């Protein structure tokens, strides 16, 4: 098989051009052509079994699996990464039969389920299939096709930059190449004419960005590449077991596993995995499928000693050789002060006015008391000259409290007692 790597940006372009799709069919429109990716196309590209039913494979779950007991000590929770590590360490020793079983499990997890997480739980059913030798009859195609279409049908989010394409992403990519009249030789090349078609393509090392792909291969303007749906030839109809046409209109199948099997809280040592062998098709220049750079502590020698550089410095080092999009995602977030609500502002302003009014009242009382005290002292000094006797002619003897004494040279205001 030639080197053919899944490019996340190609999947992203297809998701952007998606029409009304479902778990049974992915429908997209590109350059005025409508393309349909169903279980039949998946089987045509991959040659995996897409005909049998999973319900036909029933094993006694109460009986312990000898293979699991021997190499995993009966642990019920076995993950994808556990199979990968055991395979690279060759834990079977001189037992070639068990080595073959590990190779089959390794192929299932790294090829058929290449898009799944390293923390994905492996079902007990898979061990029973390998142990019994019935793994070649199992409908692996139906299983991985469902995971693939489920991830492709997710809506793109402007805020979310990283997506995981589940199942077997390379099948979808080769199908797109087969639908096109010609793909840029800088992206992929057709080098053979075998069955299945998955063996006939080879991708290049060049990784194109999303905008460039949308403006060239997936453009609707001045695009010389023509797209059409594929059909099996006579040889493929004889060799392959293809599901019937229109199978996407049937009821969706029910599977035993779900996304609940993911162990998101488990921490995987990615460096350890890379040392033992690459298990995941990752592209450091692809900001759609590859996960964001991990914060790694690096020890540096300075003056004969060692010091641990902060995570932030390591992050900046990763950005230097990465894409602009990754650099944008790694920019420190600035906390923005949220505006206060209108009712809170109004209440605060009213409280400040109340405090100012109370302060003015207090000062006014102090000043008024001082003025009255001065007036009392002045009235006491000039009481004989400025007090006007009451008018005896008034019937009720009332005298206004404030009168002017015309004889007073200063015409000062005097206070007379009643």
Protein backbone atom coordinates (compact mmCIF):
# COMPACT_ATOMS: atom_id res chain seq x y z
CA UNK A 1 0.00 0.00 0.00
CA UNK A 2 1.33 3.40 -0.97
CA UNK A 3 1.70 6.22 1.53
CA UNK A 4 -1.69 7.86 1.66
CA UNK A 5 -2.32 10.24 4.53
CA UNK A 6 -5.62 11.74 5.57
CA UNK A 7 -5.62 15.54 5.29
CA UNK A 8 -7.92 17.22 7.76
CA UNK A 9 -8.30 20.37 5.68
CA UNK A 10 -9.84 18.36 2.84
CA UNK A 11 -12.46 17.00 5.23
CA UNK A 12 -13.06 20.51 6.51
CA UNK A 13 -13.75 21.79 2.99
CA UNK A 14 -16.24 18.98 2.41
CA UNK A 15 -18.01 19.75 5.68
CA UNK A 16 -18.30 23.39 4.60
CA UNK A 17 -19.94 22.28 1.33
CA UNK A 18 -22.27 19.77 2.99
CA UNK A 19 -25.97 19.69 2.11
CA UNK A 20 -28.69 17.86 4.05
CA UNK A 21 -26.87 14.73 5.23
CA UNK A 22 -27.60 11.92 7.68
CA UNK A 23 -25.84 9.00 9.36
CA UNK A 24 -26.54 6.91 6.25
CA UNK A 25 -25.31 9.34 3.58
CA UNK A 26 -23.04 12.36 3.36
CA UNK A 27 -24.19 14.76 0.64
CA UNK A 28 -22.17 17.71 -0.62
CA UNK A 29 -22.16 20.04 -3.61
CA UNK A 30 -18.99 21.18 -5.32
CA UNK A 31 -18.51 22.93 -8.66
CA UNK A 32 -22.22 22.53 -9.53
CA UNK A 33 -22.19 18.75 -8.89
CA UNK A 34 -23.95 16.91 -6.05
CA UNK A 35 -21.94 14.03 -4.57
CA UNK A 36 -23.28 11.25 -2.31
CA UNK A 37 -21.11 9.19 0.01
CA UNK A 38 -23.00 6.13 1.26
CA UNK A 39 -22.15 2.73 2.68
CA UNK A 40 -21.92 1.39 -0.87
CA UNK A 41 -19.20 3.90 -1.81
CA UNK A 42 -17.41 3.16 1.45
CA UNK A 43 -17.31 -0.57 0.64
CA UNK A 44 -16.19 0.17 -2.93
CA UNK A 45 -13.17 2.15 -1.70
CA UNK A 46 -12.17 0.09 1.37
CA UNK A 47 -13.36 -3.47 0.53
CA UNK A 48 -14.39 -3.91 4.17
CA UNK A 49 -17.35 -6.12 5.03
CA UNK A 50 -20.46 -3.95 4.87
CA UNK A 51 -23.03 -6.71 4.40
CA UNK A 52 -23.20 -8.92 7.49
CA UNK A 53 -24.97 -7.98 10.72
CA UNK A 54 -23.33 -7.47 14.08
CA UNK A 55 -26.18 -9.25 15.85
CA UNK A 56 -25.00 -12.52 14.28
CA UNK A 57 -21.86 -12.46 16.44
CA UNK A 58 -22.77 -13.37 20.00
CA UNK A 59 -20.28 -14.71 22.55
CA UNK A 60 -20.60 -15.78 26.16
CA UNK A 61 -19.55 -12.73 28.15
CA UNK A 62 -19.50 -14.69 31.42
CA UNK A 63 -16.76 -16.98 30.14
CA UNK A 64 -13.33 -15.30 30.54
CA UNK A 65 -11.35 -14.56 27.39
CA UNK A 66 -8.05 -16.46 27.58
CA UNK A 67 -6.20 -13.87 25.49
CA UNK A 68 -7.28 -11.01 27.76
CA UNK A 69 -6.49 -13.03 30.86
CA UNK A 70 -3.02 -13.87 29.62
CA UNK A 71 -1.81 -10.46 28.47
CA UNK A 72 -4.03 -8.00 30.33
CA UNK A 73 -4.65 -9.98 33.54
CA UNK A 74 -8.40 -9.89 33.02
CA UNK A 75 -8.64 -6.09 33.06
CA UNK A 76 -12.05 -5.12 31.68
CA UNK A 77 -11.03 -1.65 30.59
CA UNK A 78 -8.54 -2.04 27.73
CA UNK A 79 -7.89 0.99 25.56
CA UNK A 80 -6.62 1.50 22.05
CA UNK A 81 -3.32 2.78 23.38
CA UNK A 82 -2.84 -0.42 25.39
CA UNK A 83 -2.97 -2.54 22.22
CA UNK A 84 -0.55 -0.20 20.45
CA UNK A 85 1.99 -0.30 23.27
CA UNK A 86 1.75 -4.07 23.65
CA UNK A 87 2.28 -4.54 19.90
CA UNK A 88 5.40 -2.35 19.77
CA UNK A 89 6.83 -4.03 22.87
CA UNK A 90 6.18 -7.51 21.40
CA UNK A 91 4.83 -8.82 24.65
CA UNK A 92 3.98 -12.20 23.08
CA UNK A 93 7.65 -13.23 22.98
CA UNK A 94 8.15 -16.44 20.96
CA UNK A 95 4.43 -17.22 20.66
CA UNK A 96 3.76 -16.53 16.98
CA UNK A 97 0.06 -17.34 17.22
CA UNK A 98 -0.48 -14.67 19.86
CA UNK A 99 1.73 -12.34 17.82
CA UNK A 100 -0.65 -12.76 14.89
CA UNK A 101 -3.61 -11.95 17.14
CA UNK A 102 -1.88 -8.78 18.32
CA UNK A 103 -1.16 -7.84 14.71
CA UNK A 104 -4.85 -8.23 13.83
CA UNK A 105 -5.93 -6.13 16.82
CA UNK A 106 -3.30 -3.55 15.94
CA UNK A 107 -4.57 -3.34 12.35
CA UNK A 108 -8.16 -2.97 13.53
CA UNK A 109 -7.33 -0.12 15.89
CA UNK A 110 -4.79 1.80 13.77
CA UNK A 111 -6.32 1.35 10.30
CA UNK A 112 -10.02 0.54 10.52
CA UNK A 113 -10.51 2.82 13.56
CA UNK A 114 -7.61 5.15 12.79
CA UNK A 115 -9.69 8.26 13.50
CA UNK A 116 -10.69 7.22 17.02
CA UNK A 117 -9.08 8.49 20.21
CA UNK A 118 -6.19 6.69 21.83
CA UNK A 119 -8.32 6.43 24.96
CA UNK A 120 -11.12 4.63 23.13
CA UNK A 121 -12.28 1.55 24.98
CA UNK A 122 -11.91 -1.71 23.07
CA UNK A 123 -15.01 -3.87 23.28
CA UNK A 124 -14.77 -7.37 24.64
CA UNK A 125 -16.43 -8.43 21.37
CA UNK A 126 -13.28 -7.59 19.37
CA UNK A 127 -11.14 -9.90 21.50
CA UNK A 128 -13.68 -12.68 21.13
CA UNK A 129 -13.72 -12.22 17.35
CA UNK A 130 -9.92 -12.48 17.12
CA UNK A 131 -9.75 -15.36 19.58
CA UNK A 132 -12.41 -17.34 17.70
CA UNK A 133 -11.06 -16.50 14.22
CA UNK A 134 -14.37 -14.98 13.07
CA UNK A 135 -12.96 -11.47 12.73
CA UNK A 136 -12.88 -11.72 8.92
CA UNK A 137 -16.68 -12.16 8.84
CA UNK A 138 -17.50 -9.20 11.06
CA UNK A 139 -19.04 -6.08 9.39
CA UNK A 140 -16.19 -3.71 10.21
CA UNK A 141 -17.22 -1.47 7.33
CA UNK A 142 -20.64 -0.71 8.84
CA UNK A 143 -19.04 0.04 12.17
CA UNK A 144 -16.41 2.51 11.01
CA UNK A 145 -18.68 4.06 8.35
CA UNK A 146 -21.14 5.05 11.07
CA UNK A 147 -18.38 6.70 13.11
CA UNK A 148 -17.09 8.52 10.03
CA UNK A 149 -20.43 9.97 8.90
CA UNK A 150 -21.28 10.94 12.47
CA UNK A 151 -18.17 13.13 12.71
CA UNK A 152 -18.58 14.55 9.20
CA UNK A 153 -22.15 15.62 9.90
CA UNK A 154 -21.15 17.92 12.77
CA UNK A 155 -21.74 21.59 12.16
CA UNK A 156 -18.67 23.77 11.88
CA UNK A 157 -18.21 26.31 14.63
CA UNK A 158 -16.20 29.50 14.12
CA UNK A 159 -14.93 29.39 17.69
CA UNK A 160 -13.91 25.74 17.56
CA UNK A 161 -10.72 25.16 15.61
CA UNK A 162 -10.03 21.45 16.18
CA UNK A 163 -12.23 18.61 14.97
CA UNK A 164 -11.66 14.87 15.09
CA UNK A 165 -12.75 12.89 12.05
CA UNK A 166 -13.75 9.48 13.40
CA UNK A 167 -13.84 6.04 11.88
CA UNK A 168 -11.58 5.65 8.82
CA UNK A 169 -11.08 9.16 7.35
CA UNK A 170 -8.75 8.07 4.54
CA UNK A 171 -11.61 6.22 2.81
CA UNK A 172 -13.64 9.42 2.48
CA UNK A 173 -10.63 11.28 1.10
CA UNK A 174 -9.86 8.63 -1.55
CA UNK A 175 -13.55 8.59 -2.51
CA UNK A 176 -13.33 12.33 -3.18
CA UNK A 177 -10.25 11.78 -5.35
CA UNK A 178 -12.12 9.11 -7.31
CA UNK A 179 -15.06 11.46 -7.85
CA UNK A 180 -12.85 14.11 -9.44
CA UNK A 181 -11.70 14.13 -13.03
CA UNK A 182 -8.21 15.15 -11.97
CA UNK A 183 -6.70 16.20 -8.67
CA UNK A 184 -3.72 18.52 -8.46
CA UNK A 185 -0.60 16.35 -8.57
CA UNK A 186 0.75 18.38 -5.67
CA UNK A 187 -2.01 16.97 -3.43
CA UNK A 188 -2.40 13.34 -4.52
CA UNK A 189 -1.51 11.02 -7.39
CA UNK A 190 -3.00 7.84 -8.82
CA UNK A 191 -0.23 5.28 -9.12
CA UNK A 192 -2.02 1.90 -9.54
CA UNK A 193 -5.26 0.27 -10.62
CA UNK A 194 -5.98 -2.37 -7.99
CA UNK A 195 -8.99 -3.54 -6.00
CA UNK A 196 -9.83 -1.94 -3.67
CA UNK A 197 -9.31 1.63 -4.85
CA UNK A 198 -7.80 2.58 -1.51
CA UNK A 199 -4.52 1.02 -2.70
CA UNK A 200 -4.24 3.17 -5.82
CA UNK A 201 -3.60 6.62 -4.35
CA UNK A 202 -0.55 8.30 -2.93
CA UNK A 203 -0.60 11.66 -1.20
CA UNK A 204 2.25 14.13 -1.31
CA UNK A 205 4.00 15.76 1.61
CA UNK A 206 2.56 19.16 0.78
CA UNK A 207 -0.26 20.23 3.08
CA UNK A 208 -2.49 22.96 1.72
CA UNK A 209 -4.48 25.34 3.86
CA UNK A 210 -8.24 25.59 3.94
CA UNK A 211 -8.57 28.86 2.00
CA UNK A 212 -6.24 27.72 -0.75
CA UNK A 213 -8.18 24.47 -1.20
CA UNK A 214 -11.50 26.32 -1.32
CA UNK A 215 -10.14 28.69 -3.97
CA UNK A 216 -8.69 25.93 -6.17
CA UNK A 217 -9.97 22.34 -5.95
CA UNK A 218 -13.33 23.18 -4.35
CA UNK A 219 -13.99 26.44 -6.17
CA UNK A 220 -17.11 26.99 -8.29
CA UNK A 221 -15.45 29.68 -10.41
CA UNK A 222 -13.09 28.82 -13.27
CA UNK A 223 -12.53 25.34 -11.85
CA UNK A 224 -11.36 22.85 -14.45
CA UNK A 225 -11.83 19.91 -12.09
CA UNK A 226 -15.15 18.15 -12.70
CA UNK A 227 -16.85 15.96 -10.10
CA UNK A 228 -19.26 13.06 -10.52
CA UNK A 229 -20.45 10.13 -8.41
CA UNK A 230 -18.55 6.87 -8.81
CA UNK A 231 -19.94 3.49 -9.87
CA UNK A 232 -18.34 0.03 -9.58
CA UNK A 233 -16.91 -1.62 -12.67
CA UNK A 234 -17.46 -5.24 -13.65
CA UNK A 235 -14.39 -6.53 -11.80
CA UNK A 236 -15.40 -4.80 -8.58
CA UNK A 237 -18.92 -6.20 -8.81
CA UNK A 238 -17.48 -9.70 -8.98
CA UNK A 239 -14.76 -9.36 -6.34
CA UNK A 240 -16.38 -7.13 -3.70
CA UNK A 241 -19.40 -7.68 -1.51
CA UNK A 242 -21.21 -4.40 -2.01
CA UNK A 243 -24.38 -3.42 -0.17
CA UNK A 244 -27.37 -2.81 -2.44
CA UNK A 245 -28.12 0.63 -3.83
CA UNK A 246 -30.52 2.75 -1.80
CA UNK A 247 -29.39 1.22 1.49
CA UNK A 248 -29.08 4.74 2.91
CA UNK A 249 -32.89 4.95 2.87
CA UNK A 250 -33.19 2.09 5.33
CA UNK A 251 -33.39 2.44 9.12
CA UNK A 252 -30.08 3.29 10.75
CA UNK A 253 -28.27 0.34 12.35
CA UNK A 254 -27.84 0.01 16.09
CA UNK A 255 -24.35 -0.53 17.46
CA UNK A 256 -23.16 -1.75 20.80
CA UNK A 257 -20.62 0.97 21.49
CA UNK A 258 -21.05 4.72 21.74
CA UNK A 259 -19.14 7.87 22.50
CA UNK A 260 -19.51 7.06 26.19
CA UNK A 261 -16.63 4.62 25.82
CA UNK A 262 -14.17 7.50 25.51
CA UNK A 263 -12.12 8.03 28.63
CA UNK A 264 -11.55 11.74 28.44
CA UNK A 265 -10.17 12.00 31.95
CA UNK A 266 -7.32 9.59 31.23
CA UNK A 267 -3.98 11.27 30.55
CA UNK A 268 -1.94 9.67 27.78
CA UNK A 269 1.79 10.20 27.54
CA UNK A 270 1.98 11.25 23.90
CA UNK A 271 5.75 11.32 23.93
CA UNK A 272 5.80 7.69 25.00
CA UNK A 273 3.44 6.81 22.16
CA UNK A 274 5.61 8.59 19.58
CA UNK A 275 8.71 6.75 20.79
CA UNK A 276 6.99 3.40 20.35
CA UNK A 277 5.56 4.28 16.96
CA UNK A 278 3.09 6.64 15.43
CA UNK A 279 -0.47 5.40 15.76
CA UNK A 280 -2.38 8.45 14.65
CA UNK A 281 -2.19 10.25 11.33
CA UNK A 282 -1.30 13.73 12.48
CA UNK A 283 -0.18 16.69 10.49
CA UNK A 284 1.51 19.44 12.43
CA UNK A 285 0.59 21.93 9.70
CA UNK A 286 -3.08 21.01 9.80
CA UNK A 287 -5.07 23.14 12.21
CA UNK A 288 -8.27 21.17 11.65
CA UNK A 289 -7.54 17.57 12.51
CA UNK A 290 -4.37 17.66 14.57
CA UNK A 291 -4.79 18.54 18.27
CA UNK A 292 -3.33 21.78 19.63
CA UNK A 293 0.32 21.72 20.72
CA UNK A 294 0.87 20.24 24.14
CA UNK A 295 2.53 22.28 26.84
CA UNK A 296 5.86 20.55 27.43
CA UNK A 297 8.38 21.36 30.12
CA UNK A 298 11.93 21.60 28.79
CA UNK A 299 14.99 21.50 31.01
CA UNK A 300 17.81 23.82 30.07
CA UNK A 301 21.29 23.89 31.42
CA UNK A 302 22.44 27.23 32.71
CA UNK A 303 25.63 27.77 34.70
CA UNK A 304 26.05 24.06 35.30
CA UNK A 305 22.52 23.62 36.68
CA UNK A 306 19.13 22.79 35.28
CA UNK A 307 15.99 24.86 35.36
CA UNK A 308 12.52 24.23 34.07
CA UNK A 309 11.32 26.77 31.55
CA UNK A 310 7.79 28.02 32.04
CA UNK A 311 5.01 26.60 29.91
CA UNK A 312 4.46 29.97 28.25
CA UNK A 313 7.97 30.06 26.81
CA UNK A 314 7.56 26.56 25.41
CA UNK A 315 4.29 27.58 23.80
CA UNK A 316 5.95 30.52 22.05
CA UNK A 317 8.62 28.16 20.74
CA UNK A 318 5.95 25.92 19.23
CA UNK A 319 4.27 28.86 17.55
CA UNK A 320 7.46 29.80 15.72
CA UNK A 321 7.27 26.81 13.40
CA UNK A 322 3.50 26.43 13.35
CA UNK A 323 0.71 27.97 11.42
CA UNK A 324 -0.73 31.43 11.88
CA UNK A 325 -4.00 29.91 12.93
CA UNK A 326 -2.36 27.99 15.77
CA UNK A 327 -0.53 31.15 16.80
CA UNK A 328 -3.82 32.98 16.91
CA UNK A 329 -5.31 30.30 19.13
CA UNK A 330 -2.34 30.46 21.51
CA UNK A 331 -2.55 34.21 22.09
CA UNK A 332 -3.20 34.99 25.77
CA UNK A 333 -6.75 35.80 26.51
CA UNK A 334 -7.37 39.28 27.92
CA UNK A 335 -10.06 39.65 30.51
CA UNK A 336 -12.52 42.26 29.30
CA UNK A 337 -14.37 44.24 31.91
CA UNK A 338 -18.05 43.71 31.45
CA UNK A 339 -20.28 46.83 31.41
CA UNK A 340 -22.40 47.37 34.49
CA UNK A 341 -26.11 46.94 34.24
CA UNK A 342 -28.28 50.02 33.91
CA UNK A 343 -30.20 49.50 37.12
CA UNK A 344 -26.96 49.04 39.08
CA UNK A 345 -25.56 52.33 37.70
CA UNK A 346 -28.79 54.20 38.45
CA UNK A 347 -28.87 52.96 42.02
CA UNK A 348 -25.23 53.93 42.57
CA UNK A 349 -25.76 57.46 41.19
CA UNK A 350 -28.81 57.99 43.38
CA UNK A 351 -26.85 56.94 46.44
CA UNK A 352 -24.10 59.43 45.61
CA UNK A 353 -26.65 62.25 45.26
CA UNK A 354 -28.13 61.38 48.65
CA UNK A 355 -24.72 61.56 50.28
CA UNK A 356 -23.96 64.93 48.63
CA UNK A 357 -27.32 66.34 49.75
CA UNK A 358 -26.75 65.22 53.35
CA UNK A 359 -23.30 66.85 53.31
CA UNK A 360 -24.74 70.14 52.04
CA UNK A 361 -27.45 70.09 54.71
CA UNK A 362 -24.91 69.51 57.47
CA UNK A 363 -22.70 72.36 56.26
CA UNK A 364 -25.68 74.66 55.89
CA UNK A 365 -26.77 73.99 59.46
CA UNK A 366 -23.26 74.76 60.73
CA UNK A 367 -23.09 78.06 58.82
CA UNK A 368 -26.62 79.06 59.87
CA UNK A 369 -25.82 78.37 63.53
CA UNK A 370 -22.74 80.62 63.29
CA UNK A 371 -24.77 83.43 61.67
CA UNK A 372 -27.49 83.22 64.33
CA UNK A 373 -24.88 83.31 67.08
CA UNK A 374 -23.36 86.49 65.62
CA UNK A 375 -26.76 88.09 65.34
CA UNK A 376 -27.57 87.29 68.97
CA UNK A 377 -24.36 88.93 70.14
CA UNK A 378 -24.97 92.08 68.07
CA UNK A 379 -28.57 92.29 69.25
CA UNK A 380 -27.46 92.11 72.88
CA UNK A 381 -24.99 95.01 72.44
CA UNK A 382 -27.53 97.39 70.81
CA UNK A 383 -30.66 96.33 72.59
CA UNK A 384 -31.34 99.83 74.08
CA UNK A 385 -31.04 101.69 70.77
CA UNK A 386 -32.61 99.36 68.31
CA UNK A 387 -35.57 97.76 70.02
CA UNK A 388 -38.86 99.40 69.04
CA UNK A 389 -41.47 99.36 71.82
CA UNK A 390 -44.74 97.73 70.99
CA UNK A 391 -47.50 99.84 69.58
CA UNK A 392 -50.04 100.38 72.28
CA UNK A 393 -52.68 101.25 69.72
CA UNK A 394 -52.77 97.70 68.31
CA UNK A 395 -55.73 95.88 69.56
CA UNK A 396 -53.94 92.57 70.02
CA UNK A 397 -50.52 94.06 70.99
CA UNK A 398 -48.75 92.18 68.15
CA UNK A 399 -45.41 93.56 66.99
CA UNK A 400 -43.57 92.15 63.91
CA UNK A 401 -40.45 90.22 64.94
CA UNK A 402 -38.15 92.14 62.55
CA UNK A 403 -38.41 96.01 62.28
CA UNK A 404 -36.16 98.81 61.11
CA UNK A 405 -35.32 101.65 63.48
CA UNK A 406 -35.15 104.70 61.25
CA UNK A 407 -33.13 106.57 63.92
CA UNK A 408 -30.38 104.00 63.86
CA UNK A 409 -27.51 105.28 61.74
CA UNK A 410 -26.72 101.87 60.25
CA UNK A 411 -30.33 100.72 59.75
CA UNK A 412 -29.25 97.33 61.13
CA UNK A 413 -31.76 94.60 61.48
CA UNK A 414 -32.79 94.23 65.07
CA UNK A 415 -34.75 91.52 66.72
CA UNK A 416 -37.52 92.58 69.06
CA UNK A 417 -39.13 90.35 71.55
CA UNK A 418 -42.84 89.82 71.54
